[in-house]
Amino acid sequence: MGRKLKVVSPEVKQVECADNIDLNAIEGSYGVGKRKYGLDHIRTKLENTTKSVIILQFLVVNLTVNVDFDPF
């Protein structure tokens, strides 16, 4: 958080790159669930319900992939 350092060590760059790779994979699967399964129609306002919806969306995607169920 905050302003980035002017001089960054190679170790810090490597850790940041690894973190970004993991984050992109997670956000990508979240986006697939929203597009493919229509989960983008669910709207929440509170932080607790948002977290619950995200967990349930991953559960739905995993169940449909593992059971070979195609709702559409």
C-alpha atoms as a PDB file:
ATOM      1  CA  MET A   1       0.000   0.000   0.000  1.00  0.00           C
ATOM      2  CA  GLY A   2       1.083   3.557  -0.446  1.00  0.00           C
ATOM      3  CA  ARG A   3       3.765   4.935  -2.666  1.00  0.00           C
ATOM      4  CA  LYS A   4       6.069   2.452  -4.378  1.00  0.00           C
ATOM      5  CA  LEU A   5       9.735   2.391  -3.513  1.00  0.00           C
ATOM      6  CA  LYS A   6      12.132   3.993  -5.981  1.00  0.00           C
ATOM      7  CA  VAL A   7      14.711   1.232  -5.575  1.00  0.00           C
ATOM      8  CA  VAL A   8      13.241  -2.257  -5.448  1.00  0.00           C
ATOM      9  CA  SER A   9      15.355  -5.348  -4.881  1.00  0.00           C
ATOM     10  CA  PRO A  10      15.057  -8.290  -7.284  1.00  0.00           C
ATOM     11  CA  GLU A  11      13.683 -10.477  -4.474  1.00  0.00           C
ATOM     12  CA  VAL A  12      10.816  -8.063  -3.864  1.00  0.00           C
ATOM     13  CA  LYS A  13      10.048  -7.941  -7.596  1.00  0.00           C
ATOM     14  CA  GLN A  14       9.985 -11.734  -7.756  1.00  0.00           C
ATOM     15  CA  VAL A  15       7.585 -11.984  -4.795  1.00  0.00           C
ATOM     16  CA  GLU A  16       5.296  -9.321  -6.285  1.00  0.00           C
ATOM     17  CA  CYS A  17       5.270 -11.136  -9.632  1.00  0.00           C
ATOM     18  CA  ALA A  18       4.375 -14.457  -7.968  1.00  0.00           C
ATOM     19  CA  ASP A  19       1.582 -12.761  -5.997  1.00  0.00           C
ATOM     20  CA  ASN A  20       0.187 -11.194  -9.176  1.00  0.00           C
ATOM     21  CA  ILE A  21       0.193 -14.549 -10.976  1.00  0.00           C
ATOM     22  CA  ASP A  22      -1.806 -16.158  -8.161  1.00  0.00           C
ATOM     23  CA  LEU A  23      -4.209 -13.229  -8.007  1.00  0.00           C
ATOM     24  CA  ASN A  24      -4.815 -13.284 -11.775  1.00  0.00           C
ATOM     25  CA  ALA A  25      -5.696 -16.976 -11.660  1.00  0.00           C
ATOM     26  CA  ILE A  26      -8.196 -16.448  -8.851  1.00  0.00           C
ATOM     27  CA  GLU A  27      -9.814 -13.401 -10.443  1.00  0.00           C
ATOM     28  CA  GLY A  28      -9.966 -15.204 -13.781  1.00  0.00           C
ATOM     29  CA  SER A  29     -11.911 -18.126 -12.342  1.00  0.00           C
ATOM     30  CA  TYR A  30     -14.216 -15.678 -10.579  1.00  0.00           C
ATOM     31  CA  GLY A  31     -14.878 -13.916 -13.898  1.00  0.00           C
ATOM     32  CA  VAL A  32     -15.592 -17.207 -15.677  1.00  0.00           C
ATOM     33  CA  GLY A  33     -18.167 -18.060 -13.031  1.00  0.00           C
ATOM     34  CA  LYS A  34     -19.844 -14.717 -13.495  1.00  0.00           C
ATOM     35  CA  ARG A  35     -19.986 -14.991 -17.290  1.00  0.00           C
ATOM     36  CA  LYS A  36     -20.639 -18.676 -17.853  1.00  0.00           C
ATOM     37  CA  TYR A  37     -23.029 -19.392 -14.994  1.00  0.00           C
ATOM     38  CA  GLY A  38     -24.836 -16.048 -14.820  1.00  0.00           C
ATOM     39  CA  LEU A  39     -23.560 -15.275 -11.345  1.00  0.00           C
ATOM     40  CA  ASP A  40     -23.113 -11.628 -12.252  1.00  0.00           C
ATOM     41  CA  HIS A  41     -26.804 -11.028 -11.610  1.00  0.00           C
ATOM     42  CA  ILE A  42     -26.291 -11.361  -7.862  1.00  0.00           C
ATOM     43  CA  ARG A  43     -25.828  -7.984  -6.170  1.00  0.00           C
ATOM     44  CA  THR A  44     -24.773  -7.330  -2.578  1.00  0.00           C
ATOM     45  CA  LYS A  45     -24.037  -4.259  -0.528  1.00  0.00           C
ATOM     46  CA  LEU A  46     -22.660  -5.436   2.803  1.00  0.00           C
ATOM     47  CA  GLU A  47     -19.145  -6.807   3.218  1.00  0.00           C
ATOM     48  CA  ASN A  48     -20.274 -10.019   4.933  1.00  0.00           C
ATOM     49  CA  THR A  49     -22.818 -10.881   2.264  1.00  0.00           C
ATOM     50  CA  THR A  50     -20.320 -10.091  -0.488  1.00  0.00           C
ATOM     51  CA  LYS A  51     -17.807 -12.518   0.995  1.00  0.00           C
ATOM     52  CA  SER A  52     -20.514 -15.159   1.338  1.00  0.00           C
ATOM     53  CA  VAL A  53     -21.598 -14.721  -2.283  1.00  0.00           C
ATOM     54  CA  ILE A  54     -18.010 -15.052  -3.531  1.00  0.00           C
ATOM     55  CA  ILE A  55     -17.559 -18.284  -1.576  1.00  0.00           C
ATOM     56  CA  LEU A  56     -20.860 -19.653  -2.870  1.00  0.00           C
ATOM     57  CA  GLN A  57     -19.945 -18.732  -6.446  1.00  0.00           C
ATOM     58  CA  PHE A  58     -16.729 -20.742  -6.199  1.00  0.00           C
ATOM     59  CA  LEU A  59     -18.706 -23.613  -4.696  1.00  0.00           C
ATOM     60  CA  VAL A  60     -21.192 -23.573  -7.586  1.00  0.00           C
ATOM     61  CA  VAL A  61     -18.434 -23.462 -10.195  1.00  0.00           C
ATOM     62  CA  ASN A  62     -16.550 -26.336  -8.540  1.00  0.00           C
ATOM     63  CA  LEU A  63     -19.692 -28.434  -8.237  1.00  0.00           C
ATOM     64  CA  THR A  64     -20.669 -27.945 -11.856  1.00  0.00           C
ATOM     65  CA  VAL A  65     -17.151 -28.755 -13.062  1.00  0.00           C
ATOM     66  CA  ASN A  66     -16.764 -31.859 -10.891  1.00  0.00           C
ATOM     67  CA  VAL A  67     -20.244 -33.270 -11.572  1.00  0.00           C
ATOM     68  CA  ASP A  68     -20.335 -32.399 -15.283  1.00  0.00           C
ATOM     69  CA  PHE A  69     -23.608 -30.598 -14.801  1.00  0.00           C
ATOM     70  CA  ASP A  70     -24.529 -27.978 -17.368  1.00  0.00           C
ATOM     71  CA  PRO A  71     -27.482 -25.896 -16.179  1.00  0.00           C
ATOM     72  CA  PHE A  72     -27.927 -24.232 -19.568  1.00  0.00           C
END
